[in-house]
Amino acid sequence: MKKIEKETEKEKIEKIVVGVSEGEMAEETKKFGKKLEDKLGISVVFQDETLTTYEAQRFSIEAGIKRKKRKELEDAYSAALILQEYLDSHGN
């Protein structure tokens, strides 16, 4: 939490997009997002992350990235897809 707080202040972040899966994990993620919002005093929005890991893997394979490197970057690629889907759906 402290690391996120430091980065949001440093980068003057006004909104955080959090990927949400399904089921029990979704509830935990929403609780975390609420804590972020309360602690940081900025807007936290949720974006469906269904299939983003699969899509990130597919894009990486198509780009010719080797398996070990794909695994290392999987979370970053998934986060980029979640953010892009949010931006696309909100006309930004």
Protein backbone atom coordinates (compact mmCIF):
# COMPACT_ATOMS: atom_id res chain seq x y z
CA MET A 1 0.00 0.00 0.00
CA LYS A 2 2.81 2.41 0.89
CA LYS A 3 4.56 1.79 -2.43
CA ILE A 4 1.36 2.52 -4.34
CA GLU A 5 0.76 5.63 -2.26
CA LYS A 6 4.29 6.87 -2.97
CA GLU A 7 3.94 6.29 -6.72
CA THR A 8 0.53 7.94 -6.99
CA GLU A 9 1.88 11.04 -5.27
CA LYS A 10 5.09 11.08 -7.31
CA GLU A 11 3.31 10.60 -10.65
CA LYS A 12 0.26 12.72 -9.70
CA ILE A 13 -2.06 9.83 -10.53
CA GLU A 14 -5.75 10.73 -10.48
CA LYS A 15 -7.32 7.33 -11.14
CA ILE A 16 -6.36 3.68 -10.71
CA VAL A 17 -7.76 0.91 -12.91
CA VAL A 18 -7.92 -2.47 -11.18
CA GLY A 19 -8.53 -5.70 -13.06
CA VAL A 20 -11.25 -7.88 -11.55
CA SER A 21 -11.67 -11.59 -12.15
CA GLU A 22 -14.69 -13.66 -11.22
CA GLY A 23 -15.91 -15.32 -8.03
CA GLU A 24 -14.30 -15.09 -4.62
CA MET A 25 -11.19 -13.36 -5.91
CA ALA A 26 -13.37 -10.59 -7.34
CA GLU A 27 -14.69 -9.75 -3.87
CA GLU A 28 -11.17 -9.60 -2.43
CA THR A 29 -10.05 -7.38 -5.29
CA LYS A 30 -12.97 -5.00 -4.76
CA LYS A 31 -12.18 -4.77 -1.05
CA PHE A 32 -8.58 -3.94 -1.94
CA GLY A 33 -9.75 -1.30 -4.44
CA LYS A 34 -11.94 0.28 -1.77
CA LYS A 35 -8.99 0.39 0.63
CA LEU A 36 -6.90 2.06 -2.08
CA GLU A 37 -9.60 4.62 -2.73
CA ASP A 38 -10.02 5.42 0.96
CA LYS A 39 -6.29 5.60 1.66
CA LEU A 40 -5.25 7.55 -1.44
CA GLY A 41 -8.31 9.72 -1.90
CA ILE A 42 -8.40 9.07 -5.64
CA SER A 43 -10.83 7.23 -7.87
CA VAL A 44 -10.42 3.47 -8.23
CA VAL A 45 -12.33 1.84 -11.10
CA PHE A 46 -12.70 -1.83 -11.89
CA GLN A 47 -12.23 -3.47 -15.27
CA ASP A 48 -13.09 -7.06 -16.14
CA GLU A 49 -9.89 -9.04 -16.62
CA THR A 50 -11.49 -12.18 -18.00
CA LEU A 51 -9.21 -13.83 -20.57
CA THR A 52 -6.50 -11.15 -20.37
CA THR A 53 -3.83 -13.70 -19.40
CA TYR A 54 -4.81 -15.85 -22.36
CA GLU A 55 -4.74 -12.84 -24.69
CA ALA A 56 -1.38 -11.69 -23.32
CA GLN A 57 0.07 -15.14 -23.95
CA ARG A 58 -1.37 -15.22 -27.47
CA PHE A 59 0.04 -11.79 -28.36
CA SER A 60 3.44 -12.76 -26.95
CA ILE A 61 3.53 -15.96 -28.99
CA GLU A 62 2.53 -14.07 -32.13
CA ALA A 63 5.31 -11.56 -31.42
CA GLY A 64 7.82 -14.41 -31.24
CA ILE A 65 8.76 -13.88 -27.60
CA LYS A 66 10.42 -16.92 -26.08
CA ARG A 67 8.56 -18.91 -23.44
CA LYS A 68 10.75 -17.90 -20.47
CA LYS A 69 10.48 -14.21 -21.32
CA ARG A 70 6.70 -14.53 -21.91
CA LYS A 71 6.27 -15.96 -18.42
CA GLU A 72 8.29 -13.10 -16.89
CA LEU A 73 6.20 -10.46 -18.68
CA GLU A 74 2.78 -12.11 -18.47
CA ASP A 75 1.45 -9.92 -15.63
CA ALA A 76 2.69 -6.72 -17.29
CA TYR A 77 1.10 -7.66 -20.62
CA SER A 78 -2.15 -8.57 -18.88
CA ALA A 79 -2.16 -5.24 -17.03
CA ALA A 80 -1.60 -3.40 -20.31
CA LEU A 81 -4.56 -5.22 -21.87
CA ILE A 82 -6.79 -4.43 -18.89
CA LEU A 83 -5.90 -0.76 -19.12
CA GLN A 84 -6.39 -0.70 -22.89
CA GLU A 85 -9.83 -2.31 -22.57
CA TYR A 86 -10.76 0.30 -19.97
CA LEU A 87 -9.58 3.15 -22.17
CA ASP A 88 -11.36 1.72 -25.23
CA SER A 89 -14.62 1.33 -23.33
CA HIS A 90 -14.50 4.86 -21.91
CA GLY A 91 -13.50 6.72 -25.05
CA ASN A 92 -10.11 7.83 -23.71
